[in-house]
Every structure is written in C-alpha cells, then in structure tokens.
C-alpha cells in the first residue's frame, strides 16, 4: 500500500499566523483574516486533492463568497495545482504555496500573461 500523504494543514496555519492573519476553522480548509482581507485556505495532499477533487473553479463555494483563495500543497505538486487552476480560470484571485518537509515554503502566483 502506498504511503498516505496528509494535507499540510498545520504548515498552512503556521504560515498565515506568522504573516499576521487570524486563522479560524479546522481541518484542511480554513479562513485566514487580516485587516480587510479574508482568504479561504485549502491544504492539499497528493492524489485526489491535486487532481481536481478539491481544486475546483469555485472551490465548492459560490464565486462571490471568497475573493481570495490560497492552496497549500507539497512543493513538488505546486506546478500541477497551478496548471489545474489556470485551466479552470476561476473567478477568484489565487495563489499556491508549496511547502517542504522542513516547513520552508514558496509562493506561486498566476502568470500575468
């Protein structure tokens, strides 16, 4: 049986907390708020999460619910998540954060082109 990959939920919470956001919600989906900005954060693992089950055009929410979305995934999967988001062209602004085993991360934004 292949190893089970857990979503990087705790890494995602730590990143947003260090950036000064208040974090609410449990599990791999939560909300981060700071000043006027509210971001729906979704931590993704390998497999089904990355292949579209949880990376949807509307994220399962009405398109006007969250203007900003952030998907947190293992670093090696960030390209797949970005490609999936670009292919569905969601109505919200998005970013992808790639996290490694040491908690180091990179932020990826959509191409401006």
PDB file of N, CA and C in Angstrom:
ATOM      1  N   UNK A   1       0.849  -1.175   0.000  1.00  0.00           N
ATOM      2  CA  UNK A   1       0.000   0.000   0.000  1.00  0.00           C
ATOM      3  C   UNK A   1       0.897   1.240   0.000  1.00  0.00           C
ATOM      4  N   UNK A   2       0.613   2.225  -0.872  1.00  0.00           N
ATOM      5  CA  UNK A   2       1.429   3.440  -0.910  1.00  0.00           C
ATOM      6  C   UNK A   2       1.235   4.252   0.368  1.00  0.00           C
ATOM      7  N   UNK A   3       2.244   5.060   0.728  1.00  0.00           N
ATOM      8  CA  UNK A   3       2.098   5.880   1.925  1.00  0.00           C
ATOM      9  C   UNK A   3       0.999   6.920   1.743  1.00  0.00           C
ATOM     10  N   UNK A   4       0.326   7.224   2.840  1.00  0.00           N
ATOM     11  CA  UNK A   4      -0.723   8.228   2.816  1.00  0.00           C
ATOM     12  C   UNK A   4      -0.081   9.587   3.047  1.00  0.00           C
ATOM     13  N   UNK A   5      -0.415  10.533   2.209  1.00  0.00           N
ATOM     14  CA  UNK A   5       0.116  11.882   2.335  1.00  0.00           C
ATOM     15  C   UNK A   5      -0.946  12.758   2.982  1.00  0.00           C
ATOM     16  N   UNK A   6      -0.600  13.372   4.081  1.00  0.00           N
ATOM     17  CA  UNK A   6      -1.535  14.235   4.790  1.00  0.00           C
ATOM     18  C   UNK A   6      -1.433  15.657   4.227  1.00  0.00           C
ATOM     19  N   UNK A   7      -2.574  16.347   4.149  1.00  0.00           N
ATOM     20  CA  UNK A   7      -2.513  17.738   3.708  1.00  0.00           C
ATOM     21  C   UNK A   7      -1.641  18.543   4.668  1.00  0.00           C
ATOM     22  N   UNK A   8      -0.915  19.521   4.159  1.00  0.00           N
ATOM     23  CA  UNK A   8      -0.038  20.328   5.020  1.00  0.00           C
ATOM     24  C   UNK A   8      -0.808  21.402   5.792  1.00  0.00           C
ATOM     25  N   UNK A   9      -1.870  20.978   6.497  1.00  0.00           N
ATOM     26  CA  UNK A   9      -2.745  21.917   7.209  1.00  0.00           C
ATOM     27  C   UNK A   9      -2.016  22.715   8.270  1.00  0.00           C
ATOM     28  N   UNK A  10      -1.218  22.054   9.093  1.00  0.00           N
ATOM     29  CA  UNK A  10      -0.518  22.757  10.173  1.00  0.00           C
ATOM     30  C   UNK A  10       0.515  23.730   9.616  1.00  0.00           C
ATOM     31  N   UNK A  11       1.206  23.317   8.554  1.00  0.00           N
ATOM     32  CA  UNK A  11       2.146  24.236   7.898  1.00  0.00           C
ATOM     33  C   UNK A  11       1.409  25.466   7.388  1.00  0.00           C
ATOM     34  N   UNK A  12       0.256  25.256   6.769  1.00  0.00           N
ATOM     35  CA  UNK A  12      -0.527  26.370   6.227  1.00  0.00           C
ATOM     36  C   UNK A  12      -0.958  27.318   7.343  1.00  0.00           C
ATOM     37  N   UNK A  13      -1.448  26.761   8.452  1.00  0.00           N
ATOM     38  CA  UNK A  13      -1.855  27.599   9.582  1.00  0.00           C
ATOM     39  C   UNK A  13      -0.669  28.401  10.128  1.00  0.00           C
ATOM     40  N   UNK A  14       0.480  27.752  10.255  1.00  0.00           N
ATOM     41  CA  UNK A  14       1.672  28.429  10.783  1.00  0.00           C
ATOM     42  C   UNK A  14       2.114  29.562   9.858  1.00  0.00           C
ATOM     43  N   UNK A  15       2.083  29.326   8.558  1.00  0.00           N
ATOM     44  CA  UNK A  15       2.485  30.358   7.593  1.00  0.00           C
ATOM     45  C   UNK A  15       1.588  31.580   7.727  1.00  0.00           C
ATOM     46  N   UNK A  16       0.284  31.379   7.719  1.00  0.00           N
ATOM     47  CA  UNK A  16      -0.638  32.509   7.796  1.00  0.00           C
ATOM     48  C   UNK A  16      -0.573  33.197   9.153  1.00  0.00           C
ATOM     49  N   UNK A  17      -0.381  32.456  10.214  1.00  0.00           N
ATOM     50  CA  UNK A  17      -0.236  33.064  11.541  1.00  0.00           C
ATOM     51  C   UNK A  17       1.008  33.946  11.602  1.00  0.00           C
ATOM     52  N   UNK A  18       2.134  33.454  11.055  1.00  0.00           N
ATOM     53  CA  UNK A  18       3.375  34.250  11.043  1.00  0.00           C
ATOM     54  C   UNK A  18       3.219  35.524  10.215  1.00  0.00           C
ATOM     55  N   UNK A  19       2.338  35.486   9.227  1.00  0.00           N
ATOM     56  CA  UNK A  19       2.092  36.657   8.390  1.00  0.00           C
ATOM     57  C   UNK A  19       1.090  37.636   9.027  1.00  0.00           C
ATOM     58  N   UNK A  20       0.633  37.325  10.237  1.00  0.00           N
ATOM     59  CA  UNK A  20      -0.254  38.225  10.951  1.00  0.00           C
ATOM     60  C   UNK A  20      -1.741  38.004  10.724  1.00  0.00           C
ATOM     61  N   UNK A  21      -2.103  36.900  10.117  1.00  0.00           N
ATOM     62  CA  UNK A  21      -3.509  36.584   9.901  1.00  0.00           C
ATOM     63  C   UNK A  21      -4.070  35.866  11.118  1.00  0.00           C
ATOM     64  N   UNK A  22      -5.350  36.116  11.421  1.00  0.00           N
ATOM     65  CA  UNK A  22      -6.037  35.284  12.406  1.00  0.00           C
ATOM     66  C   UNK A  22      -6.639  34.123  11.626  1.00  0.00           C
ATOM     67  N   UNK A  23      -6.505  32.937  12.164  1.00  0.00           N
ATOM     68  CA  UNK A  23      -6.896  31.715  11.470  1.00  0.00           C
ATOM     69  C   UNK A  23      -8.062  31.081  12.212  1.00  0.00           C
ATOM     70  N   UNK A  24      -9.105  30.698  11.465  1.00  0.00           N
ATOM     71  CA  UNK A  24     -10.245  30.026  12.077  1.00  0.00           C
ATOM     72  C   UNK A  24     -10.684  28.861  11.205  1.00  0.00           C
ATOM     73  N   UNK A  25     -11.169  27.822  11.864  1.00  0.00           N
ATOM     74  CA  UNK A  25     -11.617  26.624  11.166  1.00  0.00           C
ATOM     75  C   UNK A  25     -10.677  25.464  11.420  1.00  0.00           C
ATOM     76  N   UNK A  26     -11.208  24.276  11.268  1.00  0.00           N
ATOM     77  CA  UNK A  26     -10.447  23.050  11.484  1.00  0.00           C
ATOM     78  C   UNK A  26     -10.280  22.302  10.176  1.00  0.00           C
ATOM     79  N   UNK A  27      -9.363  21.355  10.184  1.00  0.00           N
ATOM     80  CA  UNK A  27      -9.167  20.502   9.023  1.00  0.00           C
ATOM     81  C   UNK A  27      -8.372  21.180   7.929  1.00  0.00           C
ATOM     82  N   UNK A  28      -8.437  20.627   6.725  1.00  0.00           N
ATOM     83  CA  UNK A  28      -7.624  21.140   5.620  1.00  0.00           C
ATOM     84  C   UNK A  28      -8.164  22.419   4.972  1.00  0.00           C
ATOM     85  N   UNK A  29      -9.377  22.837   5.341  1.00  0.00           N
ATOM     86  CA  UNK A  29      -9.956  24.082   4.827  1.00  0.00           C
ATOM     87  C   UNK A  29     -10.189  25.026   5.997  1.00  0.00           C
ATOM     88  N   UNK A  30      -9.686  26.255   5.877  1.00  0.00           N
ATOM     89  CA  UNK A  30      -9.896  27.232   6.936  1.00  0.00           C
ATOM     90  C   UNK A  30      -9.877  28.631   6.340  1.00  0.00           C
ATOM     91  N   UNK A  31     -10.181  29.608   7.177  1.00  0.00           N
ATOM     92  CA  UNK A  31     -10.222  31.005   6.749  1.00  0.00           C
ATOM     93  C   UNK A  31      -9.134  31.761   7.495  1.00  0.00           C
ATOM     94  N   UNK A  32      -8.400  32.594   6.771  1.00  0.00           N
ATOM     95  CA  UNK A  32      -7.369  33.460   7.349  1.00  0.00           C
ATOM     96  C   UNK A  32      -7.793  34.904   7.095  1.00  0.00           C
ATOM     97  N   UNK A  33      -7.790  35.732   8.153  1.00  0.00           N
ATOM     98  CA  UNK A  33      -8.237  37.113   8.025  1.00  0.00           C
ATOM     99  C   UNK A  33      -7.196  38.072   8.585  1.00  0.00           C
ATOM    100  N   UNK A  34      -7.024  39.176   7.867  1.00  0.00           N
ATOM    101  CA  UNK A  34      -6.117  40.237   8.305  1.00  0.00           C
ATOM    102  C   UNK A  34      -6.603  41.539   7.691  1.00  0.00           C
ATOM    103  N   UNK A  35      -6.854  42.508   8.542  1.00  0.00           N
ATOM    104  CA  UNK A  35      -7.377  43.798   8.112  1.00  0.00           C
ATOM    105  C   UNK A  35      -8.598  43.577   7.233  1.00  0.00           C
ATOM    106  N   UNK A  36      -8.560  44.019   6.006  1.00  0.00           N
ATOM    107  CA  UNK A  36      -9.710  43.924   5.101  1.00  0.00           C
ATOM    108  C   UNK A  36      -9.717  42.647   4.278  1.00  0.00           C
ATOM    109  N   UNK A  37      -8.681  41.814   4.391  1.00  0.00           N
ATOM    110  CA  UNK A  37      -8.533  40.655   3.511  1.00  0.00           C
ATOM    111  C   UNK A  37      -8.963  39.362   4.211  1.00  0.00           C
ATOM    112  N   UNK A  38      -9.845  38.621   3.547  1.00  0.00           N
ATOM    113  CA  UNK A  38     -10.249  37.299   4.008  1.00  0.00           C
ATOM    114  C   UNK A  38      -9.860  36.300   2.929  1.00  0.00           C
ATOM    115  N   UNK A  39      -9.097  35.277   3.312  1.00  0.00           N
ATOM    116  CA  UNK A  39      -8.587  34.284   2.376  1.00  0.00           C
ATOM    117  C   UNK A  39      -9.099  32.909   2.781  1.00  0.00           C
ATOM    118  N   UNK A  40      -9.692  32.201   1.859  1.00  0.00           N
ATOM    119  CA  UNK A  40     -10.027  30.802   2.108  1.00  0.00           C
ATOM    120  C   UNK A  40      -8.804  29.982   1.741  1.00  0.00           C
ATOM    121  N   UNK A  41      -8.312  29.206   2.693  1.00  0.00           N
ATOM    122  CA  UNK A  41      -7.104  28.415   2.509  1.00  0.00           C
ATOM    123  C   UNK A  41      -7.493  26.938   2.445  1.00  0.00           C
ATOM    124  N   UNK A  42      -6.939  26.232   1.468  1.00  0.00           N
ATOM    125  CA  UNK A  42      -7.183  24.808   1.309  1.00  0.00           C
ATOM    126  C   UNK A  42      -5.843  24.092   1.230  1.00  0.00           C
ATOM    127  N   UNK A  43      -5.602  23.211   2.194  1.00  0.00           N
ATOM    128  CA  UNK A  43      -4.377  22.407   2.200  1.00  0.00           C
ATOM    129  C   UNK A  43      -4.642  21.137   1.402  1.00  0.00           C
ATOM    130  N   UNK A  44      -3.769  20.862   0.448  1.00  0.00           N
ATOM    131  CA  UNK A  44      -3.947  19.727  -0.459  1.00  0.00           C
ATOM    132  C   UNK A  44      -2.859  18.683  -0.241  1.00  0.00           C
ATOM    133  N   UNK A  45      -3.262  17.429  -0.336  1.00  0.00           N
ATOM    134  CA  UNK A  45      -2.284  16.341  -0.294  1.00  0.00           C
ATOM    135  C   UNK A  45      -2.114  15.807  -1.710  1.00  0.00           C
ATOM    136  N   UNK A  46      -1.421  14.701  -1.858  1.00  0.00           N
ATOM    137  CA  UNK A  46      -1.254  14.075  -3.168  1.00  0.00           C
ATOM    138  C   UNK A  46      -2.556  13.397  -3.601  1.00  0.00           C
ATOM    139  N   UNK A  47      -2.574  12.910  -4.800  1.00  0.00           N
ATOM    140  CA  UNK A  47      -3.692  12.092  -5.278  1.00  0.00           C
ATOM    141  C   UNK A  47      -4.907  12.892  -5.651  1.00  0.00           C
ATOM    142  N   UNK A  48      -6.047  12.488  -5.093  1.00  0.00           N
ATOM    143  CA  UNK A  48      -7.328  13.059  -5.496  1.00  0.00           C
ATOM    144  C   UNK A  48      -7.398  14.567  -5.288  1.00  0.00           C
ATOM    145  N   UNK A  49      -6.850  15.068  -4.194  1.00  0.00           N
ATOM    146  CA  UNK A  49      -6.901  16.507  -3.928  1.00  0.00           C
ATOM    147  C   UNK A  49      -6.284  17.291  -5.077  1.00  0.00           C
ATOM    148  N   UNK A  50      -5.139  16.825  -5.555  1.00  0.00           N
ATOM    149  CA  UNK A  50      -4.414  17.556  -6.589  1.00  0.00           C
ATOM    150  C   UNK A  50      -5.013  17.366  -7.970  1.00  0.00           C
ATOM    151  N   UNK A  51      -5.756  16.297  -8.170  1.00  0.00           N
ATOM    152  CA  UNK A  51      -6.328  16.013  -9.482  1.00  0.00           C
ATOM    153  C   UNK A  51      -7.702  16.625  -9.678  1.00  0.00           C
ATOM    154  N   UNK A  52      -8.069  17.540  -8.817  1.00  0.00           N
ATOM    155  CA  UNK A  52      -9.291  18.281  -9.077  1.00  0.00           C
ATOM    156  C   UNK A  52     -10.420  18.073  -8.106  1.00  0.00           C
ATOM    157  N   UNK A  53     -10.344  17.054  -7.250  1.00  0.00           N
ATOM    158  CA  UNK A  53     -11.449  16.844  -6.316  1.00  0.00           C
ATOM    159  C   UNK A  53     -11.659  18.083  -5.451  1.00  0.00           C
ATOM    160  N   UNK A  54     -10.570  18.718  -5.030  1.00  0.00           N
ATOM    161  CA  UNK A  54     -10.695  19.891  -4.171  1.00  0.00           C
ATOM    162  C   UNK A  54     -10.158  21.153  -4.827  1.00  0.00           C
ATOM    163  N   UNK A  55      -9.626  21.063  -6.018  1.00  0.00           N
ATOM    164  CA  UNK A  55      -9.202  22.260  -6.761  1.00  0.00           C
ATOM    165  C   UNK A  55     -10.243  22.472  -7.855  1.00  0.00           C
ATOM    166  N   UNK A  56     -11.294  23.184  -7.500  1.00  0.00           N
ATOM    167  CA  UNK A  56     -12.405  23.417  -8.408  1.00  0.00           C
ATOM    168  C   UNK A  56     -12.458  24.885  -8.794  1.00  0.00           C
ATOM    169  N   UNK A  57     -13.156  25.176  -9.859  1.00  0.00           N
ATOM    170  CA  UNK A  57     -13.277  26.565 -10.295  1.00  0.00           C
ATOM    171  C   UNK A  57     -13.865  27.430  -9.195  1.00  0.00           C
ATOM    172  N   UNK A  58     -14.847  26.904  -8.466  1.00  0.00           N
ATOM    173  CA  UNK A  58     -15.462  27.714  -7.413  1.00  0.00           C
ATOM    174  C   UNK A  58     -15.115  27.198  -6.025  1.00  0.00           C
ATOM    175  N   UNK A  59     -14.296  26.157  -5.925  1.00  0.00           N
ATOM    176  CA  UNK A  59     -13.917  25.629  -4.624  1.00  0.00           C
ATOM    177  C   UNK A  59     -15.087  25.099  -3.829  1.00  0.00           C
ATOM    178  N   UNK A  60     -16.212  24.822  -4.510  1.00  0.00           N
ATOM    179  CA  UNK A  60     -17.384  24.335  -3.815  1.00  0.00           C
ATOM    180  C   UNK A  60     -18.208  25.444  -3.176  1.00  0.00           C
ATOM    181  N   UNK A  61     -17.813  26.684  -3.384  1.00  0.00           N
ATOM    182  CA  UNK A  61     -18.496  27.837  -2.805  1.00  0.00           C
ATOM    183  C   UNK A  61     -19.005  28.724  -3.930  1.00  0.00           C
ATOM    184  N   UNK A  62     -20.051  29.492  -3.676  1.00  0.00           N
ATOM    185  CA  UNK A  62     -20.446  30.479  -4.684  1.00  0.00           C
ATOM    186  C   UNK A  62     -19.262  31.375  -5.007  1.00  0.00           C
ATOM    187  N   UNK A  63     -19.122  31.775  -6.248  1.00  0.00           N
ATOM    188  CA  UNK A  63     -17.934  32.509  -6.689  1.00  0.00           C
ATOM    189  C   UNK A  63     -17.736  33.834  -5.961  1.00  0.00           C
ATOM    190  N   UNK A  64     -18.792  34.409  -5.387  1.00  0.00           N
ATOM    191  CA  UNK A  64     -18.632  35.692  -4.700  1.00  0.00           C
ATOM    192  C   UNK A  64     -18.360  35.539  -3.207  1.00  0.00           C
ATOM    193  N   UNK A  65     -18.282  34.313  -2.692  1.00  0.00           N
ATOM    194  CA  UNK A  65     -18.068  34.113  -1.260  1.00  0.00           C
ATOM    195  C   UNK A  65     -16.658  34.498  -0.847  1.00  0.00           C
ATOM    196  N   UNK A  66     -15.667  34.033  -1.574  1.00  0.00           N
ATOM    197  CA  UNK A  66     -14.279  34.348  -1.254  1.00  0.00           C
ATOM    198  C   UNK A  66     -13.606  34.938  -2.486  1.00  0.00           C
ATOM    199  N   UNK A  67     -13.126  36.147  -2.344  1.00  0.00           N
ATOM    200  CA  UNK A  67     -12.432  36.813  -3.455  1.00  0.00           C
ATOM    201  C   UNK A  67     -10.997  36.301  -3.578  1.00  0.00           C
ATOM    202  N   UNK A  68     -10.429  35.849  -2.436  1.00  0.00           N
ATOM    203  CA  UNK A  68      -9.055  35.369  -2.407  1.00  0.00           C
ATOM    204  C   UNK A  68      -9.016  33.925  -1.931  1.00  0.00           C
ATOM    205  N   UNK A  69      -8.279  33.102  -2.664  1.00  0.00           N
ATOM    206  CA  UNK A  69      -8.103  31.687  -2.299  1.00  0.00           C
ATOM    207  C   UNK A  69      -6.623  31.370  -2.318  1.00  0.00           C
ATOM    208  N   UNK A  70      -6.205  30.493  -1.418  1.00  0.00           N
ATOM    209  CA  UNK A  70      -4.827  30.036  -1.385  1.00  0.00           C
ATOM    210  C   UNK A  70      -4.842  28.524  -1.216  1.00  0.00           C
ATOM    211  N   UNK A  71      -4.092  27.848  -2.041  1.00  0.00           N
ATOM    212  CA  UNK A  71      -3.963  26.400  -1.974  1.00  0.00           C
ATOM    213  C   UNK A  71      -2.548  26.080  -1.508  1.00  0.00           C
ATOM    214  N   UNK A  72      -2.431  25.251  -0.470  1.00  0.00           N
ATOM    215  CA  UNK A  72      -1.137  24.876   0.086  1.00  0.00           C
ATOM    216  C   UNK A  72      -0.925  23.404  -0.210  1.00  0.00           C
ATOM    217  N   UNK A  73       0.208  23.093  -0.850  1.00  0.00           N
ATOM    218  CA  UNK A  73       0.492  21.729  -1.299  1.00  0.00           C
ATOM    219  C   UNK A  73       1.969  21.424  -1.102  1.00  0.00           C
ATOM    220  N   UNK A  74       2.336  20.147  -1.177  1.00  0.00           N
ATOM    221  CA  UNK A  74       3.760  19.816  -1.168  1.00  0.00           C
ATOM    222  C   UNK A  74       4.462  20.526  -2.337  1.00  0.00           C
ATOM    223  N   UNK A  75       5.697  20.970  -2.116  1.00  0.00           N
ATOM    224  CA  UNK A  75       6.419  21.735  -3.147  1.00  0.00           C
ATOM    225  C   UNK A  75       6.421  21.044  -4.503  1.00  0.00           C
ATOM    226  N   UNK A  76       6.604  19.731  -4.513  1.00  0.00           N
ATOM    227  CA  UNK A  76       6.692  19.019  -5.788  1.00  0.00           C
ATOM    228  C   UNK A  76       5.366  19.001  -6.549  1.00  0.00           C
ATOM    229  N   UNK A  77       4.280  19.387  -5.903  1.00  0.00           N
ATOM    230  CA  UNK A  77       2.969  19.360  -6.554  1.00  0.00           C
ATOM    231  C   UNK A  77       2.476  20.742  -6.977  1.00  0.00           C
ATOM    232  N   UNK A  78       3.231  21.790  -6.687  1.00  0.00           N
ATOM    233  CA  UNK A  78       2.722  23.132  -6.964  1.00  0.00           C
ATOM    234  C   UNK A  78       2.460  23.379  -8.446  1.00  0.00           C
ATOM    235  N   UNK A  79       3.289  22.835  -9.311  1.00  0.00           N
ATOM    236  CA  UNK A  79       3.067  23.011 -10.752  1.00  0.00           C
ATOM    237  C   UNK A  79       1.751  22.412 -11.196  1.00  0.00           C
ATOM    238  N   UNK A  80       1.427  21.230 -10.681  1.00  0.00           N
ATOM    239  CA  UNK A  80       0.153  20.585 -11.020  1.00  0.00           C
ATOM    240  C   UNK A  80      -1.036  21.415 -10.550  1.00  0.00           C
ATOM    241  N   UNK A  81      -0.947  21.942  -9.334  1.00  0.00           N
ATOM    242  CA  UNK A  81      -2.042  22.753  -8.790  1.00  0.00           C
ATOM    243  C   UNK A  81      -2.199  24.036  -9.612  1.00  0.00           C
ATOM    244  N   UNK A  82      -1.093  24.698  -9.924  1.00  0.00           N
ATOM    245  CA  UNK A  82      -1.155  25.909 -10.744  1.00  0.00           C
ATOM    246  C   UNK A  82      -1.776  25.624 -12.106  1.00  0.00           C
ATOM    247  N   UNK A  83      -1.372  24.543 -12.742  1.00  0.00           N
ATOM    248  CA  UNK A  83      -1.921  24.190 -14.052  1.00  0.00           C
ATOM    249  C   UNK A  83      -3.413  23.920 -13.972  1.00  0.00           C
ATOM    250  N   UNK A  84      -3.839  23.234 -12.917  1.00  0.00           N
ATOM    251  CA  UNK A  84      -5.263  22.935 -12.746  1.00  0.00           C
ATOM    252  C   UNK A  84      -6.056  24.233 -12.582  1.00  0.00           C
ATOM    253  N   UNK A  85      -5.554  25.121 -11.741  1.00  0.00           N
ATOM    254  CA  UNK A  85      -6.250  26.391 -11.530  1.00  0.00           C
ATOM    255  C   UNK A  85      -6.290  27.222 -12.810  1.00  0.00           C
ATOM    256  N   UNK A  86      -5.177  27.277 -13.524  1.00  0.00           N
ATOM    257  CA  UNK A  86      -5.137  28.039 -14.776  1.00  0.00           C
ATOM    258  C   UNK A  86      -6.113  27.465 -15.796  1.00  0.00           C
ATOM    259  N   UNK A  87      -6.275  26.137 -15.798  1.00  0.00           N
ATOM    260  CA  UNK A  87      -7.163  25.513 -16.784  1.00  0.00           C
ATOM    261  C   UNK A  87      -8.634  25.791 -16.508  1.00  0.00           C
ATOM    262  N   UNK A  88      -9.011  25.995 -15.237  1.00  0.00           N
ATOM    263  CA  UNK A  88     -10.410  26.282 -14.922  1.00  0.00           C
ATOM    264  C   UNK A  88     -10.699  27.773 -14.833  1.00  0.00           C
ATOM    265  N   UNK A  89      -9.632  28.600 -14.800  1.00  0.00           N
ATOM    266  CA  UNK A  89      -9.753  30.053 -14.777  1.00  0.00           C
ATOM    267  C   UNK A  89     -10.831  30.524 -13.794  1.00  0.00           C
ATOM    268  N   UNK A  90     -10.602  30.300 -12.494  1.00  0.00           N
ATOM    269  CA  UNK A  90     -11.625  30.646 -11.502  1.00  0.00           C
ATOM    270  C   UNK A  90     -11.872  32.151 -11.419  1.00  0.00           C
ATOM    271  N   UNK A  91     -13.014  32.507 -10.850  1.00  0.00           N
ATOM    272  CA  UNK A  91     -13.415  33.907 -10.743  1.00  0.00           C
ATOM    273  C   UNK A  91     -12.731  34.608  -9.571  1.00  0.00           C
ATOM    274  N   UNK A  92     -11.999  33.895  -8.744  1.00  0.00           N
ATOM    275  CA  UNK A  92     -11.320  34.487  -7.602  1.00  0.00           C
ATOM    276  C   UNK A  92      -9.828  34.646  -7.876  1.00  0.00           C
ATOM    277  N   UNK A  93      -9.172  35.496  -7.079  1.00  0.00           N
ATOM    278  CA  UNK A  93      -7.721  35.620  -7.142  1.00  0.00           C
ATOM    279  C   UNK A  93      -7.127  34.473  -6.332  1.00  0.00           C
ATOM    280  N   UNK A  94      -6.053  33.864  -6.847  1.00  0.00           N
ATOM    281  CA  UNK A  94      -5.494  32.703  -6.167  1.00  0.00           C
ATOM    282  C   UNK A  94      -3.973  32.740  -6.104  1.00  0.00           C
ATOM    283  N   UNK A  95      -3.481  31.945  -5.163  1.00  0.00           N
ATOM    284  CA  UNK A  95      -2.046  31.714  -5.020  1.00  0.00           C
ATOM    285  C   UNK A  95      -1.872  30.268  -4.580  1.00  0.00           C
ATOM    286  N   UNK A  96      -0.691  29.730  -4.854  1.00  0.00           N
ATOM    287  CA  UNK A  96      -0.350  28.376  -4.418  1.00  0.00           C
ATOM    288  C   UNK A  96       0.917  28.482  -3.580  1.00  0.00           C
ATOM    289  N   UNK A  97       0.895  27.868  -2.410  1.00  0.00           N
ATOM    290  CA  UNK A  97       2.075  27.828  -1.560  1.00  0.00           C
ATOM    291  C   UNK A  97       2.586  26.391  -1.555  1.00  0.00           C
ATOM    292  N   UNK A  98       3.847  26.231  -1.920  1.00  0.00           N
ATOM    293  CA  UNK A  98       4.490  24.921  -1.898  1.00  0.00           C
ATOM    294  C   UNK A  98       5.319  24.792  -0.626  1.00  0.00           C
ATOM    295  N   UNK A  99       5.053  23.741   0.157  1.00  0.00           N
ATOM    296  CA  UNK A  99       5.722  23.533   1.441  1.00  0.00           C
ATOM    297  C   UNK A  99       6.578  22.275   1.372  1.00  0.00           C
ATOM    298  N   UNK A 100       7.798  22.344   1.944  1.00  0.00           N
ATOM    299  CA  UNK A 100       8.630  21.142   2.009  1.00  0.00           C
ATOM    300  C   UNK A 100       8.566  20.530   3.414  1.00  0.00           C
ATOM    301  N   UNK A 101       9.275  19.429   3.613  1.00  0.00           N
ATOM    302  CA  UNK A 101       9.228  18.710   4.888  1.00  0.00           C
ATOM    303  C   UNK A 101       9.788  19.515   6.055  1.00  0.00           C
ATOM    304  N   UNK A 102      10.593  20.538   5.763  1.00  0.00           N
ATOM    305  CA  UNK A 102      11.180  21.361   6.820  1.00  0.00           C
ATOM    306  C   UNK A 102      10.334  22.596   7.135  1.00  0.00           C
ATOM    307  N   UNK A 103       9.175  22.719   6.477  1.00  0.00           N
ATOM    308  CA  UNK A 103       8.314  23.873   6.697  1.00  0.00           C
ATOM    309  C   UNK A 103       8.695  25.094   5.883  1.00  0.00           C
ATOM    310  N   UNK A 104       9.725  24.971   5.044  1.00  0.00           N
ATOM    311  CA  UNK A 104      10.088  26.066   4.139  1.00  0.00           C
ATOM    312  C   UNK A 104       9.036  26.131   3.036  1.00  0.00           C
ATOM    313  N   UNK A 105       8.777  27.334   2.536  1.00  0.00           N
ATOM    314  CA  UNK A 105       7.738  27.456   1.524  1.00  0.00           C
ATOM    315  C   UNK A 105       8.078  28.480   0.459  1.00  0.00           C
ATOM    316  N   UNK A 106       7.417  28.325  -0.694  1.00  0.00           N
ATOM    317  CA  UNK A 106       7.486  29.253  -1.815  1.00  0.00           C
ATOM    318  C   UNK A 106       6.066  29.621  -2.192  1.00  0.00           C
ATOM    319  N   UNK A 107       5.868  30.862  -2.598  1.00  0.00           N
ATOM    320  CA  UNK A 107       4.548  31.332  -3.023  1.00  0.00           C
ATOM    321  C   UNK A 107       4.559  31.466  -4.539  1.00  0.00           C
ATOM    322  N   UNK A 108       3.524  30.923  -5.172  1.00  0.00           N
ATOM    323  CA  UNK A 108       3.393  30.961  -6.624  1.00  0.00           C
ATOM    324  C   UNK A 108       2.080  31.666  -6.973  1.00  0.00           C
ATOM    325  N   UNK A 109       2.178  32.672  -7.838  1.00  0.00           N
ATOM    326  CA  UNK A 109       1.018  33.420  -8.288  1.00  0.00           C
ATOM    327  C   UNK A 109       0.736  33.081  -9.743  1.00  0.00           C
ATOM    328  N   UNK A 110      -0.489  33.338 -10.211  1.00  0.00           N
ATOM    329  CA  UNK A 110      -0.783  33.067 -11.621  1.00  0.00           C
ATOM    330  C   UNK A 110       0.090  33.934 -12.525  1.00  0.00           C
ATOM    331  N   UNK A 111       0.379  33.406 -13.704  1.00  0.00           N
ATOM    332  CA  UNK A 111       1.132  34.169 -14.692  1.00  0.00           C
ATOM    333  C   UNK A 111       0.316  35.380 -15.103  1.00  0.00           C
ATOM    334  N   UNK A 112       0.984  36.493 -15.268  1.00  0.00           N
ATOM    335  CA  UNK A 112       0.300  37.734 -15.658  1.00  0.00           C
ATOM    336  C   UNK A 112      -0.066  37.746 -17.130  1.00  0.00           C
ATOM    337  N   UNK A 113       0.480  36.809 -17.902  1.00  0.00           N
ATOM    338  CA  UNK A 113       0.231  36.829 -19.348  1.00  0.00           C
ATOM    339  C   UNK A 113      -1.133  36.356 -19.738  1.00  0.00           C
TER     340      UNK A 113
END
